[in-house]
């Protein structure tokens, strides 16, 4: 009889609680797989705002390769529970990641890029560099 009670308890935990617990999310907390991004252009810089609430600062990665700025993040969570008797364990895993890439214009000062994360917004500042006449070459027509 005690085995039957354990099975009912097992059934209740995994079927009833999971199926009818409408307040608990089973997937990523956001409905989107990519965060929203705003790109602003100012007189002296570009700003990229990435809306990523709930992501820790250390989970972000920003790379620059061949004039392409890539912002990415990866998070992994694990949750486990044991019943009172220790006869079963329930483990749940959550994995989420994203990656966004931006091609920088020629007047971007790539060596001076800065980033800050505050209130769920990752703010990347890309200063502009002056385009001088030295970079412009005139070609003589023969």
C-alpha atoms as a PDB file:
ATOM      1  CA  UNK A   1       0.000   0.000   0.000  1.00  0.00           C
ATOM      2  CA  UNK A   2       2.832   2.407   0.715  1.00  0.00           C
ATOM      3  CA  UNK A   3       4.153   1.911  -2.868  1.00  0.00           C
ATOM      4  CA  UNK A   4       0.752   2.922  -4.190  1.00  0.00           C
ATOM      5  CA  UNK A   5       0.821   6.087  -2.081  1.00  0.00           C
ATOM      6  CA  UNK A   6       4.275   6.962  -3.381  1.00  0.00           C
ATOM      7  CA  UNK A   7       3.126   6.501  -6.945  1.00  0.00           C
ATOM      8  CA  UNK A   8       0.139   8.735  -6.334  1.00  0.00           C
ATOM      9  CA  UNK A   9       2.438  11.303  -4.808  1.00  0.00           C
ATOM     10  CA  UNK A  10       4.771  10.970  -7.801  1.00  0.00           C
ATOM     11  CA  UNK A  11       1.781  11.329 -10.137  1.00  0.00           C
ATOM     12  CA  UNK A  12       0.494  14.350  -8.222  1.00  0.00           C
ATOM     13  CA  UNK A  13       3.862  16.079  -8.271  1.00  0.00           C
ATOM     14  CA  UNK A  14       4.660  15.574 -11.935  1.00  0.00           C
ATOM     15  CA  UNK A  15       1.235  15.627 -13.536  1.00  0.00           C
ATOM     16  CA  UNK A  16      -1.120  17.684 -11.420  1.00  0.00           C
ATOM     17  CA  UNK A  17       1.325  20.338 -10.248  1.00  0.00           C
ATOM     18  CA  UNK A  18       3.010  20.748 -13.647  1.00  0.00           C
ATOM     19  CA  UNK A  19      -0.123  20.668 -15.785  1.00  0.00           C
ATOM     20  CA  UNK A  20      -2.236  22.927 -13.641  1.00  0.00           C
ATOM     21  CA  UNK A  21       0.349  25.365 -12.322  1.00  0.00           C
ATOM     22  CA  UNK A  22      -0.441  28.169 -14.737  1.00  0.00           C
ATOM     23  CA  UNK A  23       1.705  30.736 -12.929  1.00  0.00           C
ATOM     24  CA  UNK A  24       4.959  28.867 -13.502  1.00  0.00           C
ATOM     25  CA  UNK A  25       6.766  29.472 -16.771  1.00  0.00           C
ATOM     26  CA  UNK A  26       8.185  26.451 -18.520  1.00  0.00           C
ATOM     27  CA  UNK A  27      10.136  28.242 -21.209  1.00  0.00           C
ATOM     28  CA  UNK A  28      12.193  31.380 -21.529  1.00  0.00           C
ATOM     29  CA  UNK A  29      10.753  34.242 -19.450  1.00  0.00           C
ATOM     30  CA  UNK A  30      10.473  36.419 -22.557  1.00  0.00           C
ATOM     31  CA  UNK A  31       8.424  35.561 -25.603  1.00  0.00           C
ATOM     32  CA  UNK A  32      11.140  36.794 -27.953  1.00  0.00           C
ATOM     33  CA  UNK A  33      14.321  34.961 -28.735  1.00  0.00           C
ATOM     34  CA  UNK A  34      16.195  38.184 -29.523  1.00  0.00           C
ATOM     35  CA  UNK A  35      16.229  41.285 -27.361  1.00  0.00           C
ATOM     36  CA  UNK A  36      14.992  44.566 -28.779  1.00  0.00           C
ATOM     37  CA  UNK A  37      17.691  46.920 -30.026  1.00  0.00           C
ATOM     38  CA  UNK A  38      17.716  50.667 -30.668  1.00  0.00           C
ATOM     39  CA  UNK A  39      20.517  52.282 -32.658  1.00  0.00           C
ATOM     40  CA  UNK A  40      20.932  56.019 -32.255  1.00  0.00           C
ATOM     41  CA  UNK A  41      23.223  58.356 -34.166  1.00  0.00           C
ATOM     42  CA  UNK A  42      24.530  61.490 -32.511  1.00  0.00           C
ATOM     43  CA  UNK A  43      26.906  64.146 -33.796  1.00  0.00           C
ATOM     44  CA  UNK A  44      29.962  62.502 -32.243  1.00  0.00           C
ATOM     45  CA  UNK A  45      28.927  58.868 -31.623  1.00  0.00           C
ATOM     46  CA  UNK A  46      26.563  55.982 -32.281  1.00  0.00           C
ATOM     47  CA  UNK A  47      24.686  54.342 -29.405  1.00  0.00           C
ATOM     48  CA  UNK A  48      23.363  50.805 -29.398  1.00  0.00           C
ATOM     49  CA  UNK A  49      20.834  50.016 -26.665  1.00  0.00           C
ATOM     50  CA  UNK A  50      20.078  46.326 -26.105  1.00  0.00           C
ATOM     51  CA  UNK A  51      17.020  45.652 -23.911  1.00  0.00           C
ATOM     52  CA  UNK A  52      18.028  42.559 -21.938  1.00  0.00           C
ATOM     53  CA  UNK A  53      16.487  42.635 -18.445  1.00  0.00           C
ATOM     54  CA  UNK A  54      17.367  39.821 -16.096  1.00  0.00           C
ATOM     55  CA  UNK A  55      20.660  38.981 -17.775  1.00  0.00           C
ATOM     56  CA  UNK A  56      23.730  39.381 -15.611  1.00  0.00           C
ATOM     57  CA  UNK A  57      26.491  41.688 -16.798  1.00  0.00           C
ATOM     58  CA  UNK A  58      29.031  38.871 -16.784  1.00  0.00           C
ATOM     59  CA  UNK A  59      26.893  36.805 -19.194  1.00  0.00           C
ATOM     60  CA  UNK A  60      27.333  39.330 -22.030  1.00  0.00           C
ATOM     61  CA  UNK A  61      30.089  39.070 -24.594  1.00  0.00           C
ATOM     62  CA  UNK A  62      30.960  41.858 -27.041  1.00  0.00           C
ATOM     63  CA  UNK A  63      33.349  41.147 -29.907  1.00  0.00           C
ATOM     64  CA  UNK A  64      34.626  43.228 -32.796  1.00  0.00           C
ATOM     65  CA  UNK A  65      35.975  41.455 -35.851  1.00  0.00           C
ATOM     66  CA  UNK A  66      36.519  43.021 -39.272  1.00  0.00           C
ATOM     67  CA  UNK A  67      34.281  45.996 -38.529  1.00  0.00           C
ATOM     68  CA  UNK A  68      31.406  43.782 -37.306  1.00  0.00           C
ATOM     69  CA  UNK A  69      30.330  44.295 -33.691  1.00  0.00           C
ATOM     70  CA  UNK A  70      28.684  41.194 -32.181  1.00  0.00           C
ATOM     71  CA  UNK A  71      26.743  41.240 -28.918  1.00  0.00           C
ATOM     72  CA  UNK A  72      25.881  37.861 -27.436  1.00  0.00           C
ATOM     73  CA  UNK A  73      24.757  36.280 -24.195  1.00  0.00           C
ATOM     74  CA  UNK A  74      24.396  32.774 -22.869  1.00  0.00           C
ATOM     75  CA  UNK A  75      22.685  31.692 -19.641  1.00  0.00           C
ATOM     76  CA  UNK A  76      22.126  28.274 -18.132  1.00  0.00           C
ATOM     77  CA  UNK A  77      19.981  27.443 -15.123  1.00  0.00           C
ATOM     78  CA  UNK A  78      19.383  24.198 -13.306  1.00  0.00           C
ATOM     79  CA  UNK A  79      16.776  23.499 -10.655  1.00  0.00           C
ATOM     80  CA  UNK A  80      16.289  20.229  -8.781  1.00  0.00           C
ATOM     81  CA  UNK A  81      13.866  19.028  -6.128  1.00  0.00           C
ATOM     82  CA  UNK A  82      13.681  15.886  -3.988  1.00  0.00           C
ATOM     83  CA  UNK A  83      10.623  14.538  -2.250  1.00  0.00           C
ATOM     84  CA  UNK A  84      10.596  14.030   1.514  1.00  0.00           C
ATOM     85  CA  UNK A  85      11.539  10.356   1.305  1.00  0.00           C
ATOM     86  CA  UNK A  86      14.350  10.973  -1.169  1.00  0.00           C
ATOM     87  CA  UNK A  87      12.938   8.370  -3.559  1.00  0.00           C
ATOM     88  CA  UNK A  88      12.808  10.660  -6.592  1.00  0.00           C
ATOM     89  CA  UNK A  89      14.408  13.809  -7.867  1.00  0.00           C
ATOM     90  CA  UNK A  90      13.029  16.268 -10.370  1.00  0.00           C
ATOM     91  CA  UNK A  91      15.566  18.285 -12.354  1.00  0.00           C
ATOM     92  CA  UNK A  92      14.801  21.084 -14.751  1.00  0.00           C
ATOM     93  CA  UNK A  93      17.199  22.873 -17.092  1.00  0.00           C
ATOM     94  CA  UNK A  94      16.832  26.230 -18.807  1.00  0.00           C
ATOM     95  CA  UNK A  95      19.205  27.392 -21.510  1.00  0.00           C
ATOM     96  CA  UNK A  96      18.944  30.640 -23.431  1.00  0.00           C
ATOM     97  CA  UNK A  97      21.242  32.534 -25.737  1.00  0.00           C
ATOM     98  CA  UNK A  98      21.198  35.248 -28.345  1.00  0.00           C
ATOM     99  CA  UNK A  99      23.585  36.941 -30.724  1.00  0.00           C
ATOM    100  CA  UNK A 100      23.170  40.210 -32.640  1.00  0.00           C
ATOM    101  CA  UNK A 101      25.689  41.621 -35.110  1.00  0.00           C
ATOM    102  CA  UNK A 102      26.113  45.174 -36.409  1.00  0.00           C
ATOM    103  CA  UNK A 103      28.322  46.323 -39.264  1.00  0.00           C
ATOM    104  CA  UNK A 104      30.042  49.516 -38.194  1.00  0.00           C
ATOM    105  CA  UNK A 105      30.387  52.420 -40.634  1.00  0.00           C
ATOM    106  CA  UNK A 106      33.800  53.560 -41.819  1.00  0.00           C
ATOM    107  CA  UNK A 107      33.749  56.604 -39.547  1.00  0.00           C
ATOM    108  CA  UNK A 108      33.428  54.469 -36.371  1.00  0.00           C
ATOM    109  CA  UNK A 109      36.354  54.680 -33.949  1.00  0.00           C
ATOM    110  CA  UNK A 110      36.490  50.973 -33.139  1.00  0.00           C
ATOM    111  CA  UNK A 111      39.371  51.314 -30.663  1.00  0.00           C
ATOM    112  CA  UNK A 112      37.287  53.601 -28.411  1.00  0.00           C
ATOM    113  CA  UNK A 113      34.096  51.515 -28.046  1.00  0.00           C
ATOM    114  CA  UNK A 114      32.666  51.439 -24.500  1.00  0.00           C
ATOM    115  CA  UNK A 115      29.850  49.437 -22.925  1.00  0.00           C
ATOM    116  CA  UNK A 116      27.807  49.723 -19.726  1.00  0.00           C
ATOM    117  CA  UNK A 117      24.907  47.686 -18.319  1.00  0.00           C
ATOM    118  CA  UNK A 118      22.310  49.383 -16.126  1.00  0.00           C
ATOM    119  CA  UNK A 119      18.645  48.730 -15.337  1.00  0.00           C
ATOM    120  CA  UNK A 120      18.345  45.917 -17.908  1.00  0.00           C
ATOM    121  CA  UNK A 121      19.791  47.973 -20.779  1.00  0.00           C
ATOM    122  CA  UNK A 122      23.184  47.235 -22.313  1.00  0.00           C
ATOM    123  CA  UNK A 123      24.433  50.535 -23.739  1.00  0.00           C
ATOM    124  CA  UNK A 124      27.283  50.402 -26.252  1.00  0.00           C
ATOM    125  CA  UNK A 125      28.839  53.698 -27.325  1.00  0.00           C
ATOM    126  CA  UNK A 126      30.743  53.772 -30.608  1.00  0.00           C
ATOM    127  CA  UNK A 127      32.522  57.129 -31.032  1.00  0.00           C
ATOM    128  CA  UNK A 128      32.889  58.611 -34.495  1.00  0.00           C
ATOM    129  CA  UNK A 129      36.275  59.517 -35.911  1.00  0.00           C
ATOM    130  CA  UNK A 130      36.942  62.477 -38.164  1.00  0.00           C
ATOM    131  CA  UNK A 131      37.252  61.662 -41.820  1.00  0.00           C
ATOM    132  CA  UNK A 132      40.174  63.728 -43.050  1.00  0.00           C
ATOM    133  CA  UNK A 133      41.119  64.792 -46.520  1.00  0.00           C
ATOM    134  CA  UNK A 134      44.233  62.592 -46.233  1.00  0.00           C
ATOM    135  CA  UNK A 135      42.033  59.537 -46.712  1.00  0.00           C
ATOM    136  CA  UNK A 136      40.690  60.889 -50.004  1.00  0.00           C
ATOM    137  CA  UNK A 137      42.836  60.263 -53.048  1.00  0.00           C
ATOM    138  CA  UNK A 138      42.367  62.099 -56.330  1.00  0.00           C
ATOM    139  CA  UNK A 139      43.075  60.157 -59.463  1.00  0.00           C
ATOM    140  CA  UNK A 140      44.388  61.976 -62.506  1.00  0.00           C
ATOM    141  CA  UNK A 141      42.618  61.282 -65.761  1.00  0.00           C
ATOM    142  CA  UNK A 142      45.006  60.705 -68.698  1.00  0.00           C
END
